[in-house]
Amino acid sequence: QVQLVESGGGLVQPGASLRLSCVASGFTITSYAMRWYRQAPGKERELVAVITSAGASTTYADSMKGRFTISRDNAKNTVYLQMNSLKPEDTAVYYCNAVFVWHNYWGQGTQVTVSS
């Protein structure tokens, strides 16, 4: 059974850091481009970051550049999103996504709330 399970979300104050994890099972992520998306209440889902299958290239949405870092450990079948200097506008459900050719898998999401 193919699964992506996100974890690491929570309630933090502005300026804090969180590291999200996404563990894949039922397939190996080695050939997959991995992405993090987020969706805030009342808003459309937006792309946060992308990492290529070999991890050689990463891409970030403009508002996350310099604050977020995506990484992967293919041996652990896991992708990470390190989030620093969190802002209230980062509050959203964060989703992990794996893409390879026609294969497109999603996790259930993990809630991140940034509030004082």
PDB file of N, CA and C in Angstrom:
ATOM      1  N   GLN A   1       0.839  -1.185   0.000  1.00  0.00           N
ATOM      2  CA  GLN A   1       0.000   0.000   0.000  1.00  0.00           C
ATOM      3  C   GLN A   1       0.884   1.249   0.000  1.00  0.00           C
ATOM      4  N   VAL A   2       0.651   2.091  -0.975  1.00  0.00           N
ATOM      5  CA  VAL A   2       1.432   3.314  -1.089  1.00  0.00           C
ATOM      6  C   VAL A   2       0.957   4.341  -0.073  1.00  0.00           C
ATOM      7  N   GLN A   3       1.884   4.883   0.684  1.00  0.00           N
ATOM      8  CA  GLN A   3       1.542   5.907   1.672  1.00  0.00           C
ATOM      9  C   GLN A   3       2.631   6.945   1.775  1.00  0.00           C
ATOM     10  N   LEU A   4       2.207   8.168   2.026  1.00  0.00           N
ATOM     11  CA  LEU A   4       3.094   9.242   2.445  1.00  0.00           C
ATOM     12  C   LEU A   4       2.541   9.760   3.760  1.00  0.00           C
ATOM     13  N   VAL A   5       3.371   9.766   4.784  1.00  0.00           N
ATOM     14  CA  VAL A   5       2.909  10.186   6.099  1.00  0.00           C
ATOM     15  C   VAL A   5       3.761  11.360   6.573  1.00  0.00           C
ATOM     16  N   GLU A   6       3.106  12.498   6.725  1.00  0.00           N
ATOM     17  CA  GLU A   6       3.783  13.691   7.218  1.00  0.00           C
ATOM     18  C   GLU A   6       3.714  13.757   8.741  1.00  0.00           C
ATOM     19  N   SER A   7       4.709  14.379   9.327  1.00  0.00           N
ATOM     20  CA  SER A   7       4.726  14.609  10.767  1.00  0.00           C
ATOM     21  C   SER A   7       5.597  15.830  11.052  1.00  0.00           C
ATOM     22  N   GLY A   8       5.523  16.288  12.290  1.00  0.00           N
ATOM     23  CA  GLY A   8       6.365  17.395  12.715  1.00  0.00           C
ATOM     24  C   GLY A   8       5.673  18.728  12.828  1.00  0.00           C
ATOM     25  N   GLY A   9       4.417  18.781  12.446  1.00  0.00           N
ATOM     26  CA  GLY A   9       3.679  20.036  12.575  1.00  0.00           C
ATOM     27  C   GLY A   9       3.344  20.334  14.022  1.00  0.00           C
ATOM     28  N   GLY A  10       2.802  21.516  14.231  1.00  0.00           N
ATOM     29  CA  GLY A  10       2.415  21.896  15.577  1.00  0.00           C
ATOM     30  C   GLY A  10       2.140  23.370  15.688  1.00  0.00           C
ATOM     31  N   LEU A  11       1.966  23.819  16.925  1.00  0.00           N
ATOM     32  CA  LEU A  11       1.719  25.229  17.228  1.00  0.00           C
ATOM     33  C   LEU A  11       3.013  25.851  17.732  1.00  0.00           C
ATOM     34  N   VAL A  12       3.467  26.882  17.047  1.00  0.00           N
ATOM     35  CA  VAL A  12       4.700  27.558  17.447  1.00  0.00           C
ATOM     36  C   VAL A  12       4.494  29.064  17.400  1.00  0.00           C
ATOM     37  N   GLN A  13       5.395  29.778  18.064  1.00  0.00           N
ATOM     38  CA  GLN A  13       5.341  31.231  18.052  1.00  0.00           C
ATOM     39  C   GLN A  13       6.079  31.776  16.827  1.00  0.00           C
ATOM     40  N   PRO A  14       5.747  32.985  16.434  1.00  0.00           N
ATOM     41  CA  PRO A  14       6.487  33.608  15.321  1.00  0.00           C
ATOM     42  C   PRO A  14       7.978  33.630  15.613  1.00  0.00           C
ATOM     43  N   GLY A  15       8.757  33.335  14.569  1.00  0.00           N
ATOM     44  CA  GLY A  15      10.200  33.293  14.691  1.00  0.00           C
ATOM     45  C   GLY A  15      10.758  31.920  15.018  1.00  0.00           C
ATOM     46  N   ALA A  16       9.889  30.996  15.378  1.00  0.00           N
ATOM     47  CA  ALA A  16      10.333  29.645  15.732  1.00  0.00           C
ATOM     48  C   ALA A  16      10.634  28.818  14.484  1.00  0.00           C
ATOM     49  N   SER A  17      11.126  27.622  14.737  1.00  0.00           N
ATOM     50  CA  SER A  17      11.456  26.687  13.663  1.00  0.00           C
ATOM     51  C   SER A  17      10.711  25.372  13.859  1.00  0.00           C
ATOM     52  N   LEU A  18      10.474  24.717  12.747  1.00  0.00           N
ATOM     53  CA  LEU A  18       9.910  23.374  12.746  1.00  0.00           C
ATOM     54  C   LEU A  18      10.568  22.569  11.636  1.00  0.00           C
ATOM     55  N   ARG A  19      10.661  21.278  11.837  1.00  0.00           N
ATOM     56  CA  ARG A  19      11.107  20.403  10.764  1.00  0.00           C
ATOM     57  C   ARG A  19      10.022  19.371  10.495  1.00  0.00           C
ATOM     58  N   LEU A  20       9.500  19.413   9.291  1.00  0.00           N
ATOM     59  CA  LEU A  20       8.511  18.439   8.868  1.00  0.00           C
ATOM     60  C   LEU A  20       9.205  17.246   8.224  1.00  0.00           C
ATOM     61  N   SER A  21       8.617  16.083   8.443  1.00  0.00           N
ATOM     62  CA  SER A  21       9.115  14.862   7.815  1.00  0.00           C
ATOM     63  C   SER A  21       7.997  14.226   6.996  1.00  0.00           C
ATOM     64  N   CYS A  22       8.386  13.553   5.957  1.00  0.00           N
ATOM     65  CA  CYS A  22       7.441  12.818   5.115  1.00  0.00           C
ATOM     66  C   CYS A  22       8.060  11.459   4.830  1.00  0.00           C
ATOM     67  N   VAL A  23       7.464  10.432   5.403  1.00  0.00           N
ATOM     68  CA  VAL A  23       7.977   9.076   5.233  1.00  0.00           C
ATOM     69  C   VAL A  23       7.120   8.331   4.217  1.00  0.00           C
ATOM     70  N   ALA A  24       7.774   7.775   3.220  1.00  0.00           N
ATOM     71  CA  ALA A  24       7.073   7.016   2.179  1.00  0.00           C
ATOM     72  C   ALA A  24       7.124   5.531   2.484  1.00  0.00           C
ATOM     73  N   SER A  25       6.057   4.845   2.156  1.00  0.00           N
ATOM     74  CA  SER A  25       6.017   3.396   2.264  1.00  0.00           C
ATOM     75  C   SER A  25       5.249   2.846   1.075  1.00  0.00           C
ATOM     76  N   GLY A  26       5.555   1.606   0.720  1.00  0.00           N
ATOM     77  CA  GLY A  26       4.899   0.985  -0.427  1.00  0.00           C
ATOM     78  C   GLY A  26       5.574   1.288  -1.757  1.00  0.00           C
ATOM     79  N   PHE A  27       6.547   2.159  -1.742  1.00  0.00           N
ATOM     80  CA  PHE A  27       7.347   2.477  -2.922  1.00  0.00           C
ATOM     81  C   PHE A  27       8.627   3.158  -2.439  1.00  0.00           C
ATOM     82  N   THR A  28       9.610   3.240  -3.305  1.00  0.00           N
ATOM     83  CA  THR A  28      10.852   3.922  -2.952  1.00  0.00           C
ATOM     84  C   THR A  28      10.889   5.260  -3.672  1.00  0.00           C
ATOM     85  N   ILE A  29      11.328   6.281  -2.961  1.00  0.00           N
ATOM     86  CA  ILE A  29      11.262   7.644  -3.497  1.00  0.00           C
ATOM     87  C   ILE A  29      12.432   7.979  -4.410  1.00  0.00           C
ATOM     88  N   THR A  30      13.357   7.053  -4.583  1.00  0.00           N
ATOM     89  CA  THR A  30      14.610   7.334  -5.282  1.00  0.00           C
ATOM     90  C   THR A  30      14.392   8.026  -6.623  1.00  0.00           C
ATOM     91  N   SER A  31      13.420   7.566  -7.393  1.00  0.00           N
ATOM     92  CA  SER A  31      13.201   8.119  -8.734  1.00  0.00           C
ATOM     93  C   SER A  31      12.205   9.266  -8.759  1.00  0.00           C
ATOM     94  N   TYR A  32      11.687   9.610  -7.608  1.00  0.00           N
ATOM     95  CA  TYR A  32      10.603  10.579  -7.532  1.00  0.00           C
ATOM     96  C   TYR A  32      11.102  11.978  -7.215  1.00  0.00           C
ATOM     97  N   ALA A  33      10.546  12.955  -7.928  1.00  0.00           N
ATOM     98  CA  ALA A  33      10.673  14.326  -7.468  1.00  0.00           C
ATOM     99  C   ALA A  33       9.731  14.482  -6.278  1.00  0.00           C
ATOM    100  N   MET A  34      10.196  15.119  -5.242  1.00  0.00           N
ATOM    101  CA  MET A  34       9.401  15.276  -4.037  1.00  0.00           C
ATOM    102  C   MET A  34       9.084  16.752  -3.820  1.00  0.00           C
ATOM    103  N   ARG A  35       7.860  16.989  -3.409  1.00  0.00           N
ATOM    104  CA  ARG A  35       7.412  18.368  -3.244  1.00  0.00           C
ATOM    105  C   ARG A  35       6.688  18.540  -1.930  1.00  0.00           C
ATOM    106  N   TRP A  36       6.751  19.719  -1.403  1.00  0.00           N
ATOM    107  CA  TRP A  36       5.907  20.133  -0.288  1.00  0.00           C
ATOM    108  C   TRP A  36       4.962  21.216  -0.802  1.00  0.00           C
ATOM    109  N   TYR A  37       3.701  21.056  -0.442  1.00  0.00           N
ATOM    110  CA  TYR A  37       2.687  22.052  -0.709  1.00  0.00           C
ATOM    111  C   TYR A  37       2.091  22.486   0.623  1.00  0.00           C
ATOM    112  N   ARG A  38       1.358  23.565   0.590  1.00  0.00           N
ATOM    113  CA  ARG A  38       0.601  23.963   1.771  1.00  0.00           C
ATOM    114  C   ARG A  38      -0.720  24.579   1.351  1.00  0.00           C
ATOM    115  N   GLN A  39      -1.669  24.492   2.272  1.00  0.00           N
ATOM    116  CA  GLN A  39      -2.979  25.082   2.020  1.00  0.00           C
ATOM    117  C   GLN A  39      -3.478  25.753   3.287  1.00  0.00           C
ATOM    118  N   ALA A  40      -3.654  27.046   3.203  1.00  0.00           N
ATOM    119  CA  ALA A  40      -4.178  27.824   4.314  1.00  0.00           C
ATOM    120  C   ALA A  40      -5.703  27.873   4.213  1.00  0.00           C
ATOM    121  N   PRO A  41      -6.372  28.106   5.322  1.00  0.00           N
ATOM    122  CA  PRO A  41      -7.843  28.170   5.293  1.00  0.00           C
ATOM    123  C   PRO A  41      -8.350  29.189   4.279  1.00  0.00           C
ATOM    124  N   GLY A  42      -9.263  28.747   3.421  1.00  0.00           N
ATOM    125  CA  GLY A  42      -9.854  29.642   2.443  1.00  0.00           C
ATOM    126  C   GLY A  42      -8.980  29.965   1.249  1.00  0.00           C
ATOM    127  N   LYS A  43      -7.830  29.306   1.176  1.00  0.00           N
ATOM    128  CA  LYS A  43      -6.918  29.591   0.066  1.00  0.00           C
ATOM    129  C   LYS A  43      -6.641  28.323  -0.730  1.00  0.00           C
ATOM    130  N   GLU A  44      -6.115  28.512  -1.930  1.00  0.00           N
ATOM    131  CA  GLU A  44      -5.759  27.377  -2.752  1.00  0.00           C
ATOM    132  C   GLU A  44      -4.437  26.761  -2.274  1.00  0.00           C
ATOM    133  N   ARG A  45      -4.285  25.513  -2.599  1.00  0.00           N
ATOM    134  CA  ARG A  45      -3.029  24.836  -2.273  1.00  0.00           C
ATOM    135  C   ARG A  45      -1.911  25.459  -3.093  1.00  0.00           C
ATOM    136  N   GLU A  46      -0.776  25.725  -2.440  1.00  0.00           N
ATOM    137  CA  GLU A  46       0.342  26.340  -3.142  1.00  0.00           C
ATOM    138  C   GLU A  46       1.602  25.510  -2.958  1.00  0.00           C
ATOM    139  N   LEU A  47       2.451  25.576  -3.977  1.00  0.00           N
ATOM    140  CA  LEU A  47       3.717  24.864  -3.940  1.00  0.00           C
ATOM    141  C   LEU A  47       4.680  25.583  -3.012  1.00  0.00           C
ATOM    142  N   VAL A  48       5.320  24.813  -2.148  1.00  0.00           N
ATOM    143  CA  VAL A  48       6.290  25.372  -1.204  1.00  0.00           C
ATOM    144  C   VAL A  48       7.709  25.138  -1.693  1.00  0.00           C
ATOM    145  N   ALA A  49       8.028  23.879  -2.006  1.00  0.00           N
ATOM    146  CA  ALA A  49       9.401  23.539  -2.377  1.00  0.00           C
ATOM    147  C   ALA A  49       9.409  22.229  -3.156  1.00  0.00           C
ATOM    148  N   VAL A  50      10.433  22.094  -3.980  1.00  0.00           N
ATOM    149  CA  VAL A  50      10.618  20.899  -4.796  1.00  0.00           C
ATOM    150  C   VAL A  50      12.068  20.456  -4.682  1.00  0.00           C
ATOM    151  N   ILE A  51      12.269  19.146  -4.662  1.00  0.00           N
ATOM    152  CA  ILE A  51      13.615  18.597  -4.721  1.00  0.00           C
ATOM    153  C   ILE A  51      13.626  17.482  -5.753  1.00  0.00           C
ATOM    154  N   THR A  52      14.625  17.492  -6.629  1.00  0.00           N
ATOM    155  CA  THR A  52      14.702  16.488  -7.676  1.00  0.00           C
ATOM    156  C   THR A  52      15.054  15.122  -7.089  1.00  0.00           C
ATOM    157  N   SER A  53      14.921  14.103  -7.924  1.00  0.00           N
ATOM    158  CA  SER A  53      15.098  12.730  -7.443  1.00  0.00           C
ATOM    159  C   SER A  53      16.487  12.503  -6.849  1.00  0.00           C
ATOM    160  N   ALA A  54      17.500  13.071  -7.449  1.00  0.00           N
ATOM    161  CA  ALA A  54      18.855  12.887  -6.933  1.00  0.00           C
ATOM    162  C   ALA A  54      19.203  13.909  -5.862  1.00  0.00           C
ATOM    163  N   GLY A  55      18.316  14.844  -5.648  1.00  0.00           N
ATOM    164  CA  GLY A  55      18.575  15.872  -4.649  1.00  0.00           C
ATOM    165  C   GLY A  55      19.524  16.950  -5.126  1.00  0.00           C
ATOM    166  N   ALA A  56      19.814  16.947  -6.403  1.00  0.00           N
ATOM    167  CA  ALA A  56      20.793  17.901  -6.912  1.00  0.00           C
ATOM    168  C   ALA A  56      20.230  19.300  -7.078  1.00  0.00           C
ATOM    169  N   SER A  57      18.923  19.401  -7.164  1.00  0.00           N
ATOM    170  CA  SER A  57      18.311  20.692  -7.420  1.00  0.00           C
ATOM    171  C   SER A  57      17.096  20.888  -6.524  1.00  0.00           C
ATOM    172  N   THR A  58      16.970  22.103  -6.015  1.00  0.00           N
ATOM    173  CA  THR A  58      15.816  22.468  -5.205  1.00  0.00           C
ATOM    174  C   THR A  58      15.231  23.776  -5.716  1.00  0.00           C
ATOM    175  N   THR A  59      13.941  23.921  -5.517  1.00  0.00           N
ATOM    176  CA  THR A  59      13.232  25.129  -5.929  1.00  0.00           C
ATOM    177  C   THR A  59      12.277  25.522  -4.824  1.00  0.00           C
ATOM    178  N   TYR A  60      12.146  26.834  -4.620  1.00  0.00           N
ATOM    179  CA  TYR A  60      11.284  27.326  -3.552  1.00  0.00           C
ATOM    180  C   TYR A  60      10.369  28.429  -4.062  1.00  0.00           C
ATOM    181  N   ALA A  61       9.207  28.500  -3.442  1.00  0.00           N
ATOM    182  CA  ALA A  61       8.345  29.654  -3.676  1.00  0.00           C
ATOM    183  C   ALA A  61       9.046  30.889  -3.116  1.00  0.00           C
ATOM    184  N   ASP A  62       8.792  32.017  -3.731  1.00  0.00           N
ATOM    185  CA  ASP A  62       9.518  33.238  -3.366  1.00  0.00           C
ATOM    186  C   ASP A  62       9.398  33.562  -1.879  1.00  0.00           C
ATOM    187  N   SER A  63       8.234  33.373  -1.310  1.00  0.00           N
ATOM    188  CA  SER A  63       8.026  33.764   0.086  1.00  0.00           C
ATOM    189  C   SER A  63       8.744  32.838   1.073  1.00  0.00           C
ATOM    190  N   MET A  64       9.237  31.707   0.595  1.00  0.00           N
ATOM    191  CA  MET A  64       9.920  30.756   1.464  1.00  0.00           C
ATOM    192  C   MET A  64      11.438  30.755   1.269  1.00  0.00           C
ATOM    193  N   LYS A  65      11.908  31.407   0.233  1.00  0.00           N
ATOM    194  CA  LYS A  65      13.340  31.416  -0.040  1.00  0.00           C
ATOM    195  C   LYS A  65      14.110  32.000   1.126  1.00  0.00           C
ATOM    196  N   GLY A  66      15.153  31.305   1.519  1.00  0.00           N
ATOM    197  CA  GLY A  66      15.985  31.779   2.614  1.00  0.00           C
ATOM    198  C   GLY A  66      15.495  31.360   3.992  1.00  0.00           C
ATOM    199  N   ARG A  67      14.246  30.893   4.069  1.00  0.00           N
ATOM    200  CA  ARG A  67      13.697  30.473   5.361  1.00  0.00           C
ATOM    201  C   ARG A  67      13.454  28.958   5.415  1.00  0.00           C
ATOM    202  N   PHE A  68      13.072  28.383   4.293  1.00  0.00           N
ATOM    203  CA  PHE A  68      12.743  26.958   4.242  1.00  0.00           C
ATOM    204  C   PHE A  68      13.830  26.206   3.469  1.00  0.00           C
ATOM    205  N   THR A  69      14.054  24.967   3.890  1.00  0.00           N
ATOM    206  CA  THR A  69      15.001  24.108   3.195  1.00  0.00           C
ATOM    207  C   THR A  69      14.399  22.724   3.032  1.00  0.00           C
ATOM    208  N   ILE A  70      14.340  22.255   1.793  1.00  0.00           N
ATOM    209  CA  ILE A  70      13.860  20.902   1.521  1.00  0.00           C
ATOM    210  C   ILE A  70      15.072  20.001   1.350  1.00  0.00           C
ATOM    211  N   SER A  71      14.965  18.797   1.872  1.00  0.00           N
ATOM    212  CA  SER A  71      16.046  17.825   1.731  1.00  0.00           C
ATOM    213  C   SER A  71      15.440  16.433   1.688  1.00  0.00           C
ATOM    214  N   ARG A  72      16.265  15.480   1.322  1.00  0.00           N
ATOM    215  CA  ARG A  72      15.774  14.113   1.236  1.00  0.00           C
ATOM    216  C   ARG A  72      16.846  13.135   1.675  1.00  0.00           C
ATOM    217  N   ASP A  73      16.392  12.018   2.222  1.00  0.00           N
ATOM    218  CA  ASP A  73      17.271  10.908   2.574  1.00  0.00           C
ATOM    219  C   ASP A  73      16.667   9.679   1.911  1.00  0.00           C
ATOM    220  N   ASN A  74      17.168   9.364   0.747  1.00  0.00           N
ATOM    221  CA  ASN A  74      16.595   8.242  -0.009  1.00  0.00           C
ATOM    222  C   ASN A  74      16.757   6.925   0.732  1.00  0.00           C
ATOM    223  N   ALA A  75      17.813   6.801   1.503  1.00  0.00           N
ATOM    224  CA  ALA A  75      18.025   5.566   2.261  1.00  0.00           C
ATOM    225  C   ALA A  75      16.936   5.366   3.311  1.00  0.00           C
ATOM    226  N   LYS A  76      16.398   6.481   3.815  1.00  0.00           N
ATOM    227  CA  LYS A  76      15.321   6.417   4.812  1.00  0.00           C
ATOM    228  C   LYS A  76      13.950   6.601   4.175  1.00  0.00           C
ATOM    229  N   ASN A  77      13.947   6.770   2.846  1.00  0.00           N
ATOM    230  CA  ASN A  77      12.673   6.970   2.138  1.00  0.00           C
ATOM    231  C   ASN A  77      11.899   8.152   2.718  1.00  0.00           C
ATOM    232  N   THR A  78      12.633   9.196   3.023  1.00  0.00           N
ATOM    233  CA  THR A  78      12.059  10.321   3.758  1.00  0.00           C
ATOM    234  C   THR A  78      12.480  11.649   3.134  1.00  0.00           C
ATOM    235  N   VAL A  79      11.553  12.584   3.158  1.00  0.00           N
ATOM    236  CA  VAL A  79      11.809  13.956   2.732  1.00  0.00           C
ATOM    237  C   VAL A  79      11.529  14.873   3.909  1.00  0.00           C
ATOM    238  N   TYR A  80      12.296  15.943   3.979  1.00  0.00           N
ATOM    239  CA  TYR A  80      12.173  16.875   5.092  1.00  0.00           C
ATOM    240  C   TYR A  80      11.905  18.291   4.591  1.00  0.00           C
ATOM    241  N   LEU A  81      11.297  19.064   5.458  1.00  0.00           N
ATOM    242  CA  LEU A  81      11.165  20.496   5.202  1.00  0.00           C
ATOM    243  C   LEU A  81      11.536  21.222   6.492  1.00  0.00           C
ATOM    244  N   GLN A  82      12.693  21.843   6.477  1.00  0.00           N
ATOM    245  CA  GLN A  82      13.129  22.656   7.609  1.00  0.00           C
ATOM    246  C   GLN A  82      12.588  24.061   7.426  1.00  0.00           C
ATOM    247  N   MET A  83      11.836  24.518   8.407  1.00  0.00           N
ATOM    248  CA  MET A  83      11.203  25.826   8.325  1.00  0.00           C
ATOM    249  C   MET A  83      11.715  26.704   9.457  1.00  0.00           C
ATOM    250  N   ASN A  84      12.357  27.786   9.107  1.00  0.00           N
ATOM    251  CA  ASN A  84      12.897  28.726  10.088  1.00  0.00           C
ATOM    252  C   ASN A  84      12.187  30.068   9.988  1.00  0.00           C
ATOM    253  N   SER A  85      12.325  30.851  11.020  1.00  0.00           N
ATOM    254  CA  SER A  85      11.746  32.203  11.046  1.00  0.00           C
ATOM    255  C   SER A  85      10.279  32.182  10.627  1.00  0.00           C
ATOM    256  N   LEU A  86       9.538  31.301  11.249  1.00  0.00           N
ATOM    257  CA  LEU A  86       8.142  31.135  10.868  1.00  0.00           C
ATOM    258  C   LEU A  86       7.322  32.385  11.158  1.00  0.00           C
ATOM    259  N   LYS A  87       6.364  32.623  10.269  1.00  0.00           N
ATOM    260  CA  LYS A  87       5.493  33.787  10.370  1.00  0.00           C
ATOM    261  C   LYS A  87       4.043  33.318  10.478  1.00  0.00           C
ATOM    262  N   PRO A  88       3.171  34.152  11.006  1.00  0.00           N
ATOM    263  CA  PRO A  88       1.752  33.758  11.082  1.00  0.00           C
ATOM    264  C   PRO A  88       1.181  33.361   9.720  1.00  0.00           C
ATOM    265  N   GLU A  89       1.641  33.995   8.665  1.00  0.00           N
ATOM    266  CA  GLU A  89       1.142  33.658   7.330  1.00  0.00           C
ATOM    267  C   GLU A  89       1.624  32.305   6.823  1.00  0.00           C
ATOM    268  N   ASP A  90       2.510  31.657   7.567  1.00  0.00           N
ATOM    269  CA  ASP A  90       2.912  30.295   7.226  1.00  0.00           C
ATOM    270  C   ASP A  90       1.925  29.261   7.761  1.00  0.00           C
ATOM    271  N   THR A  91       0.954  29.708   8.521  1.00  0.00           N
ATOM    272  CA  THR A  91      -0.059  28.796   9.057  1.00  0.00           C
ATOM    273  C   THR A  91      -0.818  28.124   7.929  1.00  0.00           C
ATOM    274  N   ALA A  92      -0.806  26.799   7.929  1.00  0.00           N
ATOM    275  CA  ALA A  92      -1.439  26.028   6.853  1.00  0.00           C
ATOM    276  C   ALA A  92      -1.302  24.548   7.165  1.00  0.00           C
ATOM    277  N   VAL A  93      -1.985  23.752   6.384  1.00  0.00           N
ATOM    278  CA  VAL A  93      -1.732  22.318   6.362  1.00  0.00           C
ATOM    279  C   VAL A  93      -0.671  22.071   5.298  1.00  0.00           C
ATOM    280  N   TYR A  94       0.370  21.365   5.682  1.00  0.00           N
ATOM    281  CA  TYR A  94       1.480  21.097   4.777  1.00  0.00           C
ATOM    282  C   TYR A  94       1.382  19.658   4.268  1.00  0.00           C
ATOM    283  N   TYR A  95       1.487  19.520   2.955  1.00  0.00           N
ATOM    284  CA  TYR A  95       1.332  18.232   2.311  1.00  0.00           C
ATOM    285  C   TYR A  95       2.605  17.818   1.578  1.00  0.00           C
ATOM    286  N   CYS A  96       2.866  16.534   1.632  1.00  0.00           N
ATOM    287  CA  CYS A  96       3.979  15.941   0.900  1.00  0.00           C
ATOM    288  C   CYS A  96       3.427  15.338  -0.401  1.00  0.00           C
ATOM    289  N   ASN A  97       4.209  15.447  -1.463  1.00  0.00           N
ATOM    290  CA  ASN A  97       3.780  14.967  -2.775  1.00  0.00           C
ATOM    291  C   ASN A  97       4.960  14.302  -3.472  1.00  0.00           C
ATOM    292  N   ALA A  98       4.693  13.132  -4.066  1.00  0.00           N
ATOM    293  CA  ALA A  98       5.724  12.397  -4.799  1.00  0.00           C
ATOM    294  C   ALA A  98       5.273  12.220  -6.240  1.00  0.00           C
ATOM    295  N   VAL A  99       6.146  12.571  -7.170  1.00  0.00           N
ATOM    296  CA  VAL A  99       5.786  12.516  -8.585  1.00  0.00           C
ATOM    297  C   VAL A  99       6.872  11.805  -9.377  1.00  0.00           C
ATOM    298  N   PHE A 100       6.431  10.843 -10.210  1.00  0.00           N
ATOM    299  CA  PHE A 100       7.333  10.176 -11.145  1.00  0.00           C
ATOM    300  C   PHE A 100       6.502   9.699 -12.320  1.00  0.00           C
ATOM    301  N   VAL A 101       6.722  10.274 -13.468  1.00  0.00           N
ATOM    302  CA  VAL A 101       5.967   9.970 -14.691  1.00  0.00           C
ATOM    303  C   VAL A 101       4.485  10.161 -14.370  1.00  0.00           C
ATOM    304  N   TRP A 102       3.697   9.096 -14.427  1.00  0.00           N
ATOM    305  CA  TRP A 102       2.262   9.257 -14.145  1.00  0.00           C
ATOM    306  C   TRP A 102       1.913   8.972 -12.698  1.00  0.00           C
ATOM    307  N   HIS A 103       2.887   8.623 -11.904  1.00  0.00           N
ATOM    308  CA  HIS A 103       2.637   8.344 -10.496  1.00  0.00           C
ATOM    309  C   HIS A 103       2.620   9.659  -9.724  1.00  0.00           C
ATOM    310  N   ASN A 104       1.597   9.840  -8.946  1.00  0.00           N
ATOM    311  CA  ASN A 104       1.433  11.092  -8.206  1.00  0.00           C
ATOM    312  C   ASN A 104       0.762  10.761  -6.881  1.00  0.00           C
ATOM    313  N   TYR A 105       1.519  10.804  -5.808  1.00  0.00           N
ATOM    314  CA  TYR A 105       1.023  10.420  -4.492  1.00  0.00           C
ATOM    315  C   TYR A 105       1.021  11.605  -3.541  1.00  0.00           C
ATOM    316  N   TRP A 106       0.023  11.598  -2.665  1.00  0.00           N
ATOM    317  CA  TRP A 106      -0.131  12.669  -1.671  1.00  0.00           C
ATOM    318  C   TRP A 106      -0.253  12.103  -0.273  1.00  0.00           C
ATOM    319  N   GLY A 107       0.262  12.848   0.676  1.00  0.00           N
ATOM    320  CA  GLY A 107       0.041  12.530   2.068  1.00  0.00           C
ATOM    321  C   GLY A 107      -1.226  13.207   2.572  1.00  0.00           C
ATOM    322  N   GLN A 108      -1.533  12.957   3.840  1.00  0.00           N
ATOM    323  CA  GLN A 108      -2.748  13.508   4.436  1.00  0.00           C
ATOM    324  C   GLN A 108      -2.538  14.904   5.018  1.00  0.00           C
ATOM    325  N   GLY A 109      -1.296  15.281   5.167  1.00  0.00           N
ATOM    326  CA  GLY A 109      -1.004  16.629   5.642  1.00  0.00           C
ATOM    327  C   GLY A 109      -0.726  16.701   7.132  1.00  0.00           C
ATOM    328  N   THR A 110       0.006  17.741   7.491  1.00  0.00           N
ATOM    329  CA  THR A 110       0.274  18.026   8.897  1.00  0.00           C
ATOM    330  C   THR A 110       0.052  19.516   9.132  1.00  0.00           C
ATOM    331  N   GLN A 111      -0.622  19.826  10.229  1.00  0.00           N
ATOM    332  CA  GLN A 111      -1.007  21.212  10.503  1.00  0.00           C
ATOM    333  C   GLN A 111       0.149  21.972  11.128  1.00  0.00           C
ATOM    334  N   VAL A 112       0.426  23.131  10.587  1.00  0.00           N
ATOM    335  CA  VAL A 112       1.391  24.070  11.169  1.00  0.00           C
ATOM    336  C   VAL A 112       0.645  25.347  11.508  1.00  0.00           C
ATOM    337  N   THR A 113       0.721  25.742  12.763  1.00  0.00           N
ATOM    338  CA  THR A 113       0.071  26.968  13.208  1.00  0.00           C
ATOM    339  C   THR A 113       1.114  27.862  13.861  1.00  0.00           C
ATOM    340  N   VAL A 114       1.217  29.066  13.346  1.00  0.00           N
ATOM    341  CA  VAL A 114       2.178  30.042  13.871  1.00  0.00           C
ATOM    342  C   VAL A 114       1.388  31.186  14.493  1.00  0.00           C
ATOM    343  N   SER A 115       1.473  31.280  15.799  1.00  0.00           N
ATOM    344  CA  SER A 115       0.653  32.265  16.509  1.00  0.00           C
ATOM    345  C   SER A 115       1.294  32.604  17.841  1.00  0.00           C
ATOM    346  N   SER A 116       1.136  33.851  18.241  1.00  0.00           N
ATOM    347  CA  SER A 116       1.629  34.259  19.549  1.00  0.00           C
ATOM    348  C   SER A 116       0.525  34.168  20.587  1.00  0.00           C
TER     349      SER A 116
END
